[in-house]
Amino acid sequence: MVENKKSMKRKRMEQILHELIKNSNRSDHELSKVLGISQPTVTRLRNQLEKEGYIQEYTIIPNLEKMGYSILAVFCIKYKAHKKELVKEMSKDAALEQSSTIFSSRAQGLGKNAISISLFKNYREYAQHIDNLSSKWDDLIEEWASMLVDLKGPILKPFSLKYLVE
């Protein structure tokens, strides 16, 4: 019986999470109507999802082109193996100080061990980023490659997490 209650609670939490992924702007009152759960229960379960770290933040996905961005750059990087500890020390601070960087992490594949994704308003900003990258990280990077996405070009499937739950 206790296991069944836990299972039902987890199912409801998952339903709330899925609905919030589709639209994080929904109120607990709206969610309660859609899911057929009382509003206080929705509030309690949403708070638990936040406390347990399932919900990290509430945000929107803006139209990047309308915000003035024209380039999304994906950088695949291979750091020099003998500089691994120095890279660990410097990477987090460097990623956080770059406002154009929207994602940065260790990675594996294509012979590389890190990835970074950045947004730029124009090619000049991208080129400046490359110059800064080269001057600051040249002795730590063995090789790197970038792929540029034209945000003004045709986009076959726009970025959204809602696809996870549809």
N, C-alpha and C. Protein backbone atom coordinates (compact mmCIF):
# COMPACT_ATOMS: atom_id res chain seq x y z
N MET A 1 0.82 -1.20 0.00
CA MET A 1 0.00 0.00 0.00
C MET A 1 0.87 1.27 0.00
N VAL A 2 1.91 1.29 0.87
CA VAL A 2 2.81 2.43 0.95
C VAL A 2 3.56 2.61 -0.38
N GLU A 3 3.98 1.49 -0.97
CA GLU A 3 4.68 1.53 -2.26
C GLU A 3 3.78 2.07 -3.36
N ASN A 4 2.50 1.72 -3.32
CA ASN A 4 1.53 2.21 -4.30
C ASN A 4 1.36 3.72 -4.19
N LYS A 5 1.33 4.25 -2.95
CA LYS A 5 1.21 5.70 -2.74
C LYS A 5 2.44 6.42 -3.27
N LYS A 6 3.63 5.84 -3.02
CA LYS A 6 4.86 6.43 -3.52
C LYS A 6 4.87 6.45 -5.04
N SER A 7 4.41 5.36 -5.63
CA SER A 7 4.35 5.24 -7.08
C SER A 7 3.40 6.28 -7.66
N MET A 8 2.26 6.46 -7.05
CA MET A 8 1.28 7.45 -7.51
C MET A 8 1.83 8.86 -7.38
N LYS A 9 2.53 9.13 -6.26
CA LYS A 9 3.11 10.45 -6.04
C LYS A 9 4.17 10.74 -7.11
N ARG A 10 5.01 9.76 -7.41
CA ARG A 10 6.05 9.93 -8.44
C ARG A 10 5.41 10.16 -9.81
N LYS A 11 4.33 9.45 -10.07
CA LYS A 11 3.63 9.61 -11.36
C LYS A 11 3.08 11.03 -11.47
N ARG A 12 2.48 11.52 -10.40
CA ARG A 12 1.95 12.89 -10.41
C ARG A 12 3.06 13.92 -10.57
N MET A 13 4.17 13.69 -9.89
CA MET A 13 5.30 14.61 -10.02
C MET A 13 5.82 14.62 -11.46
N GLU A 14 5.86 13.46 -12.08
CA GLU A 14 6.30 13.37 -13.46
C GLU A 14 5.32 14.10 -14.39
N GLN A 15 4.02 13.97 -14.13
CA GLN A 15 3.02 14.67 -14.94
C GLN A 15 3.19 16.19 -14.82
N ILE A 16 3.41 16.65 -13.60
CA ILE A 16 3.62 18.09 -13.38
C ILE A 16 4.87 18.55 -14.11
N LEU A 17 5.92 17.79 -14.00
CA LEU A 17 7.17 18.14 -14.68
C LEU A 17 6.97 18.21 -16.19
N HIS A 18 6.28 17.24 -16.74
CA HIS A 18 6.02 17.23 -18.19
C HIS A 18 5.20 18.45 -18.62
N GLU A 19 4.20 18.79 -17.84
CA GLU A 19 3.39 19.96 -18.18
C GLU A 19 4.20 21.25 -18.09
N LEU A 20 5.09 21.33 -17.11
CA LEU A 20 5.94 22.52 -16.97
C LEU A 20 6.98 22.60 -18.08
N ILE A 21 7.45 21.45 -18.57
CA ILE A 21 8.39 21.45 -19.70
C ILE A 21 7.68 22.01 -20.93
N LYS A 22 6.44 21.65 -21.11
CA LYS A 22 5.66 22.17 -22.25
C LYS A 22 5.46 23.69 -22.13
N ASN A 23 5.23 24.16 -20.90
CA ASN A 23 4.98 25.59 -20.68
C ASN A 23 5.21 25.90 -19.21
N SER A 24 6.38 26.45 -18.88
CA SER A 24 6.72 26.72 -17.48
C SER A 24 5.99 27.93 -16.91
N ASN A 25 5.24 28.59 -17.75
CA ASN A 25 4.51 29.79 -17.32
C ASN A 25 3.15 29.46 -16.68
N ARG A 26 2.80 28.19 -16.63
CA ARG A 26 1.49 27.81 -16.12
C ARG A 26 1.44 27.90 -14.59
N SER A 27 0.31 28.35 -14.11
CA SER A 27 0.12 28.45 -12.66
C SER A 27 -0.24 27.07 -12.09
N ASP A 28 -0.11 26.95 -10.79
CA ASP A 28 -0.51 25.71 -10.13
C ASP A 28 -2.00 25.47 -10.32
N HIS A 29 -2.78 26.55 -10.36
CA HIS A 29 -4.23 26.43 -10.58
C HIS A 29 -4.50 25.82 -11.97
N GLU A 30 -3.80 26.33 -13.00
CA GLU A 30 -3.98 25.77 -14.36
C GLU A 30 -3.57 24.31 -14.40
N LEU A 31 -2.44 24.00 -13.78
CA LEU A 31 -1.95 22.61 -13.77
C LEU A 31 -2.94 21.68 -13.07
N SER A 32 -3.54 22.15 -12.00
CA SER A 32 -4.50 21.31 -11.27
C SER A 32 -5.70 20.97 -12.15
N LYS A 33 -6.15 21.93 -12.96
CA LYS A 33 -7.27 21.68 -13.87
C LYS A 33 -6.90 20.67 -14.94
N VAL A 34 -5.74 20.84 -15.55
CA VAL A 34 -5.29 19.96 -16.63
C VAL A 34 -5.08 18.53 -16.13
N LEU A 35 -4.51 18.40 -14.93
CA LEU A 35 -4.13 17.08 -14.42
C LEU A 35 -5.20 16.44 -13.53
N GLY A 36 -6.19 17.21 -13.14
CA GLY A 36 -7.23 16.66 -12.28
C GLY A 36 -6.72 16.39 -10.87
N ILE A 37 -5.82 17.24 -10.41
CA ILE A 37 -5.24 17.13 -9.06
C ILE A 37 -5.53 18.45 -8.36
N SER A 38 -5.72 18.42 -7.06
CA SER A 38 -6.02 19.66 -6.34
C SER A 38 -4.83 20.63 -6.43
N GLN A 39 -5.16 21.92 -6.40
CA GLN A 39 -4.12 22.94 -6.49
C GLN A 39 -3.11 22.86 -5.34
N PRO A 40 -3.53 22.63 -4.09
CA PRO A 40 -2.54 22.49 -3.01
C PRO A 40 -1.59 21.30 -3.25
N THR A 41 -2.12 20.20 -3.82
CA THR A 41 -1.28 19.05 -4.12
C THR A 41 -0.26 19.41 -5.20
N VAL A 42 -0.70 20.12 -6.23
CA VAL A 42 0.22 20.56 -7.29
C VAL A 42 1.32 21.43 -6.69
N THR A 43 0.95 22.39 -5.85
CA THR A 43 1.93 23.29 -5.23
C THR A 43 2.94 22.50 -4.40
N ARG A 44 2.44 21.56 -3.59
CA ARG A 44 3.32 20.75 -2.75
C ARG A 44 4.28 19.92 -3.59
N LEU A 45 3.75 19.29 -4.66
CA LEU A 45 4.60 18.44 -5.50
C LEU A 45 5.58 19.27 -6.33
N ARG A 46 5.16 20.45 -6.80
CA ARG A 46 6.09 21.33 -7.52
C ARG A 46 7.24 21.75 -6.59
N ASN A 47 6.90 22.11 -5.35
CA ASN A 47 7.94 22.48 -4.38
C ASN A 47 8.91 21.33 -4.15
N GLN A 48 8.40 20.11 -4.10
CA GLN A 48 9.26 18.95 -3.92
C GLN A 48 10.16 18.75 -5.14
N LEU A 49 9.61 18.94 -6.34
CA LEU A 49 10.41 18.83 -7.57
C LEU A 49 11.56 19.85 -7.54
N GLU A 50 11.26 21.05 -7.07
CA GLU A 50 12.30 22.08 -6.96
C GLU A 50 13.35 21.69 -5.92
N LYS A 51 12.88 21.26 -4.75
CA LYS A 51 13.79 20.89 -3.66
C LYS A 51 14.71 19.73 -4.04
N GLU A 52 14.17 18.76 -4.77
CA GLU A 52 14.95 17.58 -5.17
C GLU A 52 15.82 17.84 -6.41
N GLY A 53 15.71 19.04 -7.00
CA GLY A 53 16.57 19.40 -8.12
C GLY A 53 16.08 18.97 -9.49
N TYR A 54 14.85 18.46 -9.57
CA TYR A 54 14.30 18.12 -10.89
C TYR A 54 14.02 19.39 -11.69
N ILE A 55 13.64 20.45 -11.00
CA ILE A 55 13.45 21.76 -11.63
C ILE A 55 14.60 22.64 -11.16
N GLN A 56 15.45 23.02 -12.12
CA GLN A 56 16.59 23.86 -11.77
C GLN A 56 16.26 25.34 -11.87
N GLU A 57 15.44 25.69 -12.87
CA GLU A 57 15.04 27.08 -13.03
C GLU A 57 13.84 27.14 -13.97
N TYR A 58 13.15 28.25 -13.90
CA TYR A 58 12.05 28.52 -14.82
C TYR A 58 12.57 29.57 -15.80
N THR A 59 12.47 29.26 -17.07
CA THR A 59 12.99 30.19 -18.05
C THR A 59 12.18 30.10 -19.34
N ILE A 60 12.45 31.00 -20.23
CA ILE A 60 11.82 30.98 -21.54
C ILE A 60 12.88 30.61 -22.57
N ILE A 61 12.44 30.25 -23.74
CA ILE A 61 13.34 30.06 -24.86
C ILE A 61 13.01 31.17 -25.85
N PRO A 62 13.83 32.20 -25.88
CA PRO A 62 13.52 33.35 -26.73
C PRO A 62 13.84 33.08 -28.20
N ASN A 63 13.32 33.92 -29.05
CA ASN A 63 13.66 33.91 -30.46
C ASN A 63 15.02 34.61 -30.56
N LEU A 64 16.07 33.84 -30.77
CA LEU A 64 17.43 34.38 -30.76
C LEU A 64 17.67 35.39 -31.87
N GLU A 65 17.08 35.14 -33.03
CA GLU A 65 17.24 36.07 -34.14
C GLU A 65 16.63 37.44 -33.80
N LYS A 66 15.44 37.42 -33.19
CA LYS A 66 14.80 38.69 -32.81
C LYS A 66 15.60 39.42 -31.73
N MET A 67 16.38 38.67 -30.96
CA MET A 67 17.24 39.29 -29.94
C MET A 67 18.53 39.83 -30.55
N GLY A 68 18.71 39.61 -31.85
CA GLY A 68 19.89 40.16 -32.52
C GLY A 68 21.02 39.17 -32.75
N TYR A 69 20.83 37.91 -32.37
CA TYR A 69 21.88 36.91 -32.59
C TYR A 69 21.73 36.32 -33.99
N SER A 70 22.85 36.16 -34.67
CA SER A 70 22.80 35.58 -36.01
C SER A 70 23.63 34.31 -36.12
N ILE A 71 24.48 34.05 -35.12
CA ILE A 71 25.36 32.87 -35.17
C ILE A 71 25.31 32.11 -33.85
N LEU A 72 25.12 30.81 -33.95
CA LEU A 72 25.31 29.90 -32.82
C LEU A 72 26.55 29.08 -33.18
N ALA A 73 27.53 29.06 -32.30
CA ALA A 73 28.78 28.34 -32.56
C ALA A 73 28.93 27.19 -31.58
N VAL A 74 29.23 26.02 -32.13
CA VAL A 74 29.52 24.84 -31.32
C VAL A 74 31.02 24.59 -31.44
N PHE A 75 31.71 24.65 -30.30
CA PHE A 75 33.15 24.43 -30.27
C PHE A 75 33.43 23.05 -29.69
N CYS A 76 34.20 22.25 -30.40
CA CYS A 76 34.68 20.96 -29.91
C CYS A 76 36.17 21.12 -29.66
N ILE A 77 36.59 20.83 -28.44
CA ILE A 77 37.94 21.18 -28.00
C ILE A 77 38.66 19.96 -27.46
N LYS A 78 39.95 19.87 -27.76
CA LYS A 78 40.79 18.84 -27.16
C LYS A 78 41.88 19.54 -26.38
N TYR A 79 41.80 19.39 -25.05
CA TYR A 79 42.81 19.99 -24.20
C TYR A 79 44.04 19.10 -24.14
N LYS A 80 45.18 19.73 -23.94
CA LYS A 80 46.43 18.97 -23.79
C LYS A 80 46.36 18.14 -22.52
N ALA A 81 46.66 16.86 -22.63
CA ALA A 81 46.53 15.92 -21.51
C ALA A 81 47.38 16.33 -20.31
N HIS A 82 48.59 16.79 -20.54
CA HIS A 82 49.48 17.14 -19.42
C HIS A 82 49.08 18.46 -18.74
N LYS A 83 48.09 19.16 -19.27
CA LYS A 83 47.61 20.41 -18.66
C LYS A 83 46.22 20.23 -18.03
N LYS A 84 45.81 18.99 -17.85
CA LYS A 84 44.45 18.66 -17.40
C LYS A 84 44.05 19.39 -16.11
N GLU A 85 44.90 19.41 -15.12
CA GLU A 85 44.57 20.04 -13.84
C GLU A 85 44.42 21.55 -13.98
N LEU A 86 45.27 22.18 -14.75
CA LEU A 86 45.17 23.62 -14.97
C LEU A 86 43.88 23.95 -15.72
N VAL A 87 43.54 23.14 -16.69
CA VAL A 87 42.30 23.33 -17.44
C VAL A 87 41.10 23.25 -16.52
N LYS A 88 41.09 22.25 -15.61
CA LYS A 88 39.99 22.12 -14.65
C LYS A 88 39.83 23.38 -13.82
N GLU A 89 40.95 23.93 -13.37
CA GLU A 89 40.91 25.13 -12.53
C GLU A 89 40.36 26.33 -13.29
N MET A 90 40.78 26.50 -14.52
CA MET A 90 40.44 27.69 -15.29
C MET A 90 39.09 27.62 -16.01
N SER A 91 38.64 26.43 -16.36
CA SER A 91 37.49 26.28 -17.25
C SER A 91 36.19 26.85 -16.70
N LYS A 92 35.87 26.54 -15.46
CA LYS A 92 34.59 26.99 -14.92
C LYS A 92 34.51 28.51 -14.88
N ASP A 93 35.55 29.14 -14.35
CA ASP A 93 35.56 30.60 -14.28
C ASP A 93 35.49 31.23 -15.67
N ALA A 94 36.22 30.65 -16.61
CA ALA A 94 36.23 31.19 -17.97
C ALA A 94 34.86 31.07 -18.61
N ALA A 95 34.21 29.95 -18.44
CA ALA A 95 32.88 29.75 -19.03
C ALA A 95 31.87 30.71 -18.40
N LEU A 96 31.96 30.91 -17.11
CA LEU A 96 31.01 31.80 -16.43
C LEU A 96 31.21 33.26 -16.80
N GLU A 97 32.46 33.65 -17.08
CA GLU A 97 32.71 35.06 -17.40
C GLU A 97 32.34 35.41 -18.85
N GLN A 98 32.21 34.43 -19.69
CA GLN A 98 31.83 34.66 -21.09
C GLN A 98 30.31 34.72 -21.21
N SER A 99 29.75 35.91 -21.35
CA SER A 99 28.30 36.02 -21.43
C SER A 99 27.75 35.39 -22.71
N SER A 100 28.57 35.26 -23.73
CA SER A 100 28.10 34.65 -24.98
C SER A 100 28.00 33.13 -24.89
N THR A 101 28.67 32.53 -23.90
CA THR A 101 28.66 31.08 -23.74
C THR A 101 27.40 30.65 -23.00
N ILE A 102 26.61 29.77 -23.66
CA ILE A 102 25.36 29.32 -23.04
C ILE A 102 25.46 27.90 -22.50
N PHE A 103 26.51 27.16 -22.89
CA PHE A 103 26.71 25.80 -22.39
C PHE A 103 28.18 25.46 -22.54
N SER A 104 28.73 24.79 -21.52
CA SER A 104 30.12 24.36 -21.56
C SER A 104 30.28 23.15 -20.65
N SER A 105 30.97 22.12 -21.15
CA SER A 105 31.11 20.90 -20.36
C SER A 105 32.24 20.03 -20.88
N ARG A 106 32.67 19.10 -20.04
CA ARG A 106 33.54 18.04 -20.54
C ARG A 106 32.70 17.22 -21.50
N ALA A 107 33.36 16.58 -22.44
CA ALA A 107 32.62 15.79 -23.42
C ALA A 107 33.53 14.69 -23.94
N GLN A 108 33.00 13.83 -24.76
CA GLN A 108 33.78 12.74 -25.34
C GLN A 108 33.27 12.48 -26.74
N GLY A 109 34.16 12.45 -27.71
CA GLY A 109 33.79 12.14 -29.08
C GLY A 109 34.54 13.00 -30.07
N LEU A 110 34.64 12.49 -31.29
CA LEU A 110 35.35 13.19 -32.36
C LEU A 110 36.80 13.51 -31.98
N GLY A 111 37.35 12.73 -31.05
CA GLY A 111 38.72 12.97 -30.61
C GLY A 111 38.87 14.20 -29.72
N LYS A 112 37.77 14.71 -29.22
CA LYS A 112 37.79 15.92 -28.38
C LYS A 112 37.31 15.56 -26.98
N ASN A 113 37.58 16.46 -26.01
CA ASN A 113 37.19 16.18 -24.63
C ASN A 113 36.44 17.32 -23.94
N ALA A 114 35.98 18.29 -24.73
CA ALA A 114 35.19 19.39 -24.17
C ALA A 114 34.31 19.98 -25.27
N ILE A 115 33.23 20.61 -24.84
CA ILE A 115 32.32 21.27 -25.77
C ILE A 115 31.89 22.60 -25.18
N SER A 116 31.66 23.55 -26.05
CA SER A 116 31.16 24.85 -25.63
C SER A 116 30.21 25.34 -26.73
N ILE A 117 29.11 25.94 -26.31
CA ILE A 117 28.15 26.50 -27.26
C ILE A 117 27.98 27.98 -26.92
N SER A 118 28.13 28.81 -27.94
CA SER A 118 28.07 30.26 -27.74
C SER A 118 27.20 30.92 -28.80
N LEU A 119 26.69 32.09 -28.45
CA LEU A 119 25.88 32.90 -29.36
C LEU A 119 26.60 34.20 -29.69
N PHE A 120 26.44 34.62 -30.95
CA PHE A 120 27.08 35.87 -31.38
C PHE A 120 26.13 36.66 -32.25
N LYS A 121 26.20 37.98 -32.12
CA LYS A 121 25.33 38.85 -32.91
C LYS A 121 25.81 38.95 -34.36
N ASN A 122 27.11 38.77 -34.57
CA ASN A 122 27.64 38.85 -35.93
C ASN A 122 28.99 38.13 -36.00
N TYR A 123 29.53 38.06 -37.20
CA TYR A 123 30.79 37.34 -37.39
C TYR A 123 31.95 38.04 -36.67
N ARG A 124 31.90 39.36 -36.58
CA ARG A 124 32.96 40.10 -35.88
C ARG A 124 33.05 39.65 -34.42
N GLU A 125 31.91 39.51 -33.75
CA GLU A 125 31.91 39.03 -32.35
C GLU A 125 32.49 37.62 -32.26
N TYR A 126 32.10 36.78 -33.20
CA TYR A 126 32.65 35.41 -33.24
C TYR A 126 34.17 35.46 -33.40
N ALA A 127 34.66 36.26 -34.33
CA ALA A 127 36.11 36.37 -34.58
C ALA A 127 36.84 36.88 -33.34
N GLN A 128 36.24 37.85 -32.63
CA GLN A 128 36.86 38.35 -31.40
C GLN A 128 36.92 37.24 -30.35
N HIS A 129 35.87 36.45 -30.27
CA HIS A 129 35.85 35.32 -29.33
C HIS A 129 36.98 34.34 -29.66
N ILE A 130 37.16 34.06 -30.93
CA ILE A 130 38.24 33.16 -31.38
C ILE A 130 39.60 33.73 -31.00
N ASP A 131 39.79 35.03 -31.22
CA ASP A 131 41.05 35.68 -30.85
C ASP A 131 41.31 35.55 -29.35
N ASN A 132 40.26 35.81 -28.54
CA ASN A 132 40.40 35.69 -27.08
C ASN A 132 40.68 34.25 -26.67
N LEU A 133 39.98 33.33 -27.30
CA LEU A 133 40.19 31.90 -27.02
C LEU A 133 41.63 31.52 -27.33
N SER A 134 42.11 31.93 -28.48
CA SER A 134 43.48 31.59 -28.89
C SER A 134 44.52 32.19 -27.96
N SER A 135 44.36 33.47 -27.61
CA SER A 135 45.37 34.11 -26.77
C SER A 135 45.38 33.58 -25.34
N LYS A 136 44.21 33.30 -24.79
CA LYS A 136 44.12 32.86 -23.39
C LYS A 136 44.37 31.37 -23.21
N TRP A 137 43.98 30.56 -24.19
CA TRP A 137 44.00 29.12 -24.03
C TRP A 137 44.98 28.39 -24.94
N ASP A 138 45.74 29.10 -25.74
CA ASP A 138 46.58 28.48 -26.76
C ASP A 138 47.52 27.41 -26.20
N ASP A 139 48.12 27.65 -25.03
CA ASP A 139 49.05 26.66 -24.48
C ASP A 139 48.33 25.48 -23.80
N LEU A 140 46.99 25.56 -23.68
CA LEU A 140 46.23 24.48 -23.05
C LEU A 140 45.46 23.63 -24.05
N ILE A 141 45.23 24.19 -25.24
CA ILE A 141 44.42 23.50 -26.25
C ILE A 141 45.32 22.83 -27.28
N GLU A 142 45.08 21.53 -27.46
CA GLU A 142 45.81 20.79 -28.48
C GLU A 142 45.21 21.05 -29.86
N GLU A 143 43.88 20.98 -29.91
CA GLU A 143 43.18 21.30 -31.16
C GLU A 143 41.73 21.62 -30.86
N TRP A 144 41.08 22.30 -31.79
CA TRP A 144 39.67 22.61 -31.64
C TRP A 144 39.06 22.81 -33.02
N ALA A 145 37.76 22.66 -33.05
CA ALA A 145 37.01 22.90 -34.28
C ALA A 145 35.70 23.56 -33.90
N SER A 146 35.18 24.35 -34.81
CA SER A 146 33.88 24.96 -34.53
C SER A 146 32.95 24.73 -35.71
N MET A 147 31.67 24.71 -35.38
CA MET A 147 30.62 24.61 -36.39
C MET A 147 29.70 25.80 -36.15
N LEU A 148 29.41 26.54 -37.21
CA LEU A 148 28.57 27.72 -37.09
C LEU A 148 27.18 27.43 -37.64
N VAL A 149 26.19 27.88 -36.89
CA VAL A 149 24.79 27.75 -37.31
C VAL A 149 24.27 29.15 -37.62
N ASP A 150 23.76 29.33 -38.82
CA ASP A 150 23.17 30.60 -39.23
C ASP A 150 21.75 30.66 -38.67
N LEU A 151 21.55 31.48 -37.66
CA LEU A 151 20.24 31.57 -37.01
C LEU A 151 19.20 32.28 -37.87
N LYS A 152 19.66 32.90 -38.96
CA LYS A 152 18.73 33.55 -39.88
C LYS A 152 18.31 32.62 -41.01
N GLY A 153 18.99 31.49 -41.10
CA GLY A 153 18.69 30.53 -42.15
C GLY A 153 17.53 29.64 -41.75
N PRO A 154 17.16 28.73 -42.62
CA PRO A 154 16.06 27.83 -42.28
C PRO A 154 16.45 26.89 -41.13
N ILE A 155 15.59 26.81 -40.13
CA ILE A 155 15.81 25.93 -38.99
C ILE A 155 14.75 24.85 -39.06
N LEU A 156 15.18 23.60 -39.17
CA LEU A 156 14.26 22.50 -39.38
C LEU A 156 13.44 22.15 -38.15
N LYS A 157 14.05 22.27 -36.98
CA LYS A 157 13.36 22.00 -35.72
C LYS A 157 13.93 22.95 -34.67
N PRO A 158 13.16 23.94 -34.27
CA PRO A 158 13.68 24.90 -33.30
C PRO A 158 13.97 24.25 -31.95
N PHE A 159 14.93 24.80 -31.24
CA PHE A 159 15.31 24.27 -29.93
C PHE A 159 14.15 24.39 -28.94
N SER A 160 13.79 23.29 -28.33
CA SER A 160 12.79 23.27 -27.28
C SER A 160 12.87 21.93 -26.55
N LEU A 161 12.67 21.96 -25.26
CA LEU A 161 12.63 20.73 -24.48
C LEU A 161 11.26 20.08 -24.50
N LYS A 162 10.27 20.78 -25.02
CA LYS A 162 8.90 20.22 -25.05
C LYS A 162 8.83 18.94 -25.87
N TYR A 163 9.76 18.76 -26.80
CA TYR A 163 9.76 17.54 -27.62
C TYR A 163 10.00 16.29 -26.77
N LEU A 164 10.60 16.47 -25.61
CA LEU A 164 10.85 15.34 -24.71
C LEU A 164 9.56 14.71 -24.20
N VAL A 165 8.51 15.50 -24.12
CA VAL A 165 7.28 15.03 -23.50
C VAL A 165 6.09 14.99 -24.46
N GLU A 166 6.32 15.30 -25.71
CA GLU A 166 5.21 15.25 -26.67
C GLU A 166 5.15 13.91 -27.35
